[in-house]
Protein backbone atom coordinates (compact mmCIF):
# COMPACT_ATOMS: atom_id res chain seq x y z
CA MET A 1 -90.96 193.79 122.75
CA GLN A 2 -94.59 194.78 122.40
CA ILE A 3 -95.96 196.13 119.12
CA ILE A 4 -99.32 197.88 119.09
CA LYS A 5 -101.44 198.07 115.94
CA GLU A 6 -104.38 200.46 115.79
CA ARG A 7 -106.81 200.56 112.86
CA LEU A 8 -106.59 203.85 110.97
CA ASP A 9 -109.89 205.28 109.75
CA ILE A 10 -109.94 206.25 106.11
CA ASP A 11 -110.84 209.86 105.34
CA GLY A 12 -114.43 210.04 104.06
CA VAL A 13 -113.51 212.19 101.06
CA LEU A 14 -110.70 209.84 100.05
CA GLU A 15 -112.93 206.77 100.36
CA LYS A 16 -115.64 208.42 98.27
CA ARG A 17 -113.14 209.38 95.54
CA ILE A 18 -111.77 205.82 95.39
CA LYS A 19 -115.26 204.29 95.26
CA ASN A 20 -116.28 206.69 92.48
CA VAL A 21 -113.30 205.64 90.35
CA LEU A 22 -114.10 201.96 90.95
CA LYS A 23 -117.78 202.49 90.17
CA PHE A 24 -116.98 204.39 86.97
CA LEU A 25 -114.63 201.61 85.80
CA ASN A 26 -117.11 198.90 86.92
CA ILE A 27 -114.52 197.22 89.15
CA LYS A 28 -115.42 195.46 92.38
CA SER A 29 -112.62 195.68 94.91
CA LYS A 30 -112.30 196.16 98.64
CA ILE A 31 -110.41 198.98 100.32
CA ILE A 32 -108.22 197.63 103.12
CA LYS A 33 -107.84 200.18 105.89
CA GLY A 34 -104.34 201.02 107.09
CA ASN A 35 -102.90 200.86 110.60
CA ILE A 36 -100.82 202.93 112.95
CA ILE A 37 -98.09 200.68 114.29
CA HIS A 38 -96.04 201.80 117.27
CA ILE A 39 -93.76 200.39 119.93
CA PRO A 40 -94.55 201.62 123.46
CA LYS A 41 -91.87 203.56 125.37
CA THR A 42 -90.09 204.48 122.11
CA ASN A 43 -90.53 207.14 119.48
CA ILE A 44 -90.87 204.51 116.74
CA ALA A 45 -94.13 204.60 114.81
CA TYR A 46 -95.22 203.68 111.30
CA ILE A 47 -98.37 204.58 109.41
CA GLU A 48 -99.39 201.70 107.19
CA PRO A 49 -101.29 203.06 104.16
CA HIS A 50 -104.78 202.09 103.02
CA LYS A 51 -104.63 199.51 100.22
CA LEU A 52 -106.58 198.69 97.10
CA GLU A 53 -105.67 195.58 95.07
CA ILE A 54 -106.60 195.36 91.41
CA ASN A 55 -105.09 192.80 89.00
CA GLU A 56 -102.16 192.00 91.30
CA ILE A 57 -101.29 195.70 91.62
CA THR A 58 -101.53 197.26 95.06
CA TYR A 59 -102.44 200.92 95.21
CA LEU A 60 -101.46 202.62 98.47
CA PHE A 61 -103.26 205.69 99.83
CA PHE A 62 -102.62 207.99 102.78
CA ASN A 63 -105.25 210.30 104.24
CA GLU A 64 -104.93 213.90 103.03
CA CYS A 65 -102.38 212.96 100.35
CA GLU A 66 -102.90 213.56 96.63
CA SER A 67 -100.42 210.86 95.59
CA VAL A 68 -101.22 207.21 94.98
CA TYR A 69 -98.32 204.82 95.46
CA ILE A 70 -98.05 201.74 93.28
CA ASN A 71 -96.93 198.49 94.98
CA THR A 72 -94.25 200.26 97.04
CA LEU A 73 -93.60 203.75 98.32
CA GLU A 74 -91.06 204.34 95.54
CA LYS A 75 -93.35 204.82 92.53
CA PHE A 76 -96.34 207.15 92.68
CA ILE A 77 -98.88 208.92 90.50
CA SER A 78 -101.31 211.75 91.09
CA PHE A 79 -104.76 210.70 92.30
CA ASN A 80 -106.17 212.34 89.17
CA ASP A 81 -104.21 209.82 87.05
CA LEU A 82 -105.50 206.78 88.97
CA GLU A 83 -108.37 206.05 86.60
CA THR A 84 -106.08 206.19 83.56
CA HIS A 85 -103.51 203.94 85.25
CA ILE A 86 -106.11 201.32 86.19
CA LYS A 87 -107.54 201.33 82.65
CA ALA A 88 -104.07 200.84 81.16
CA LYS A 89 -103.29 197.92 83.51
CA LYS A 90 -106.77 196.35 83.32
CA ASP A 91 -105.90 193.93 80.52
């Protein structure tokens, strides 16, 4: 079985918003771009989210989505609450 992974470009607006939050909080971290993973000759595909790791917490982002997922796709917060969440978990 062949699995194809294609790098997913991060939306420019999303990347700018993330970098502004990091700059404001004086945190140096790298945004890891997501992937589109699909199996040829099937209808199976998965969009791997963009990732940001801070203090052993992984924040997951999808293009054009206002939610930020924390560690898994089960718990999420609004993008507007991201700064507050990072500050609270910074210690």
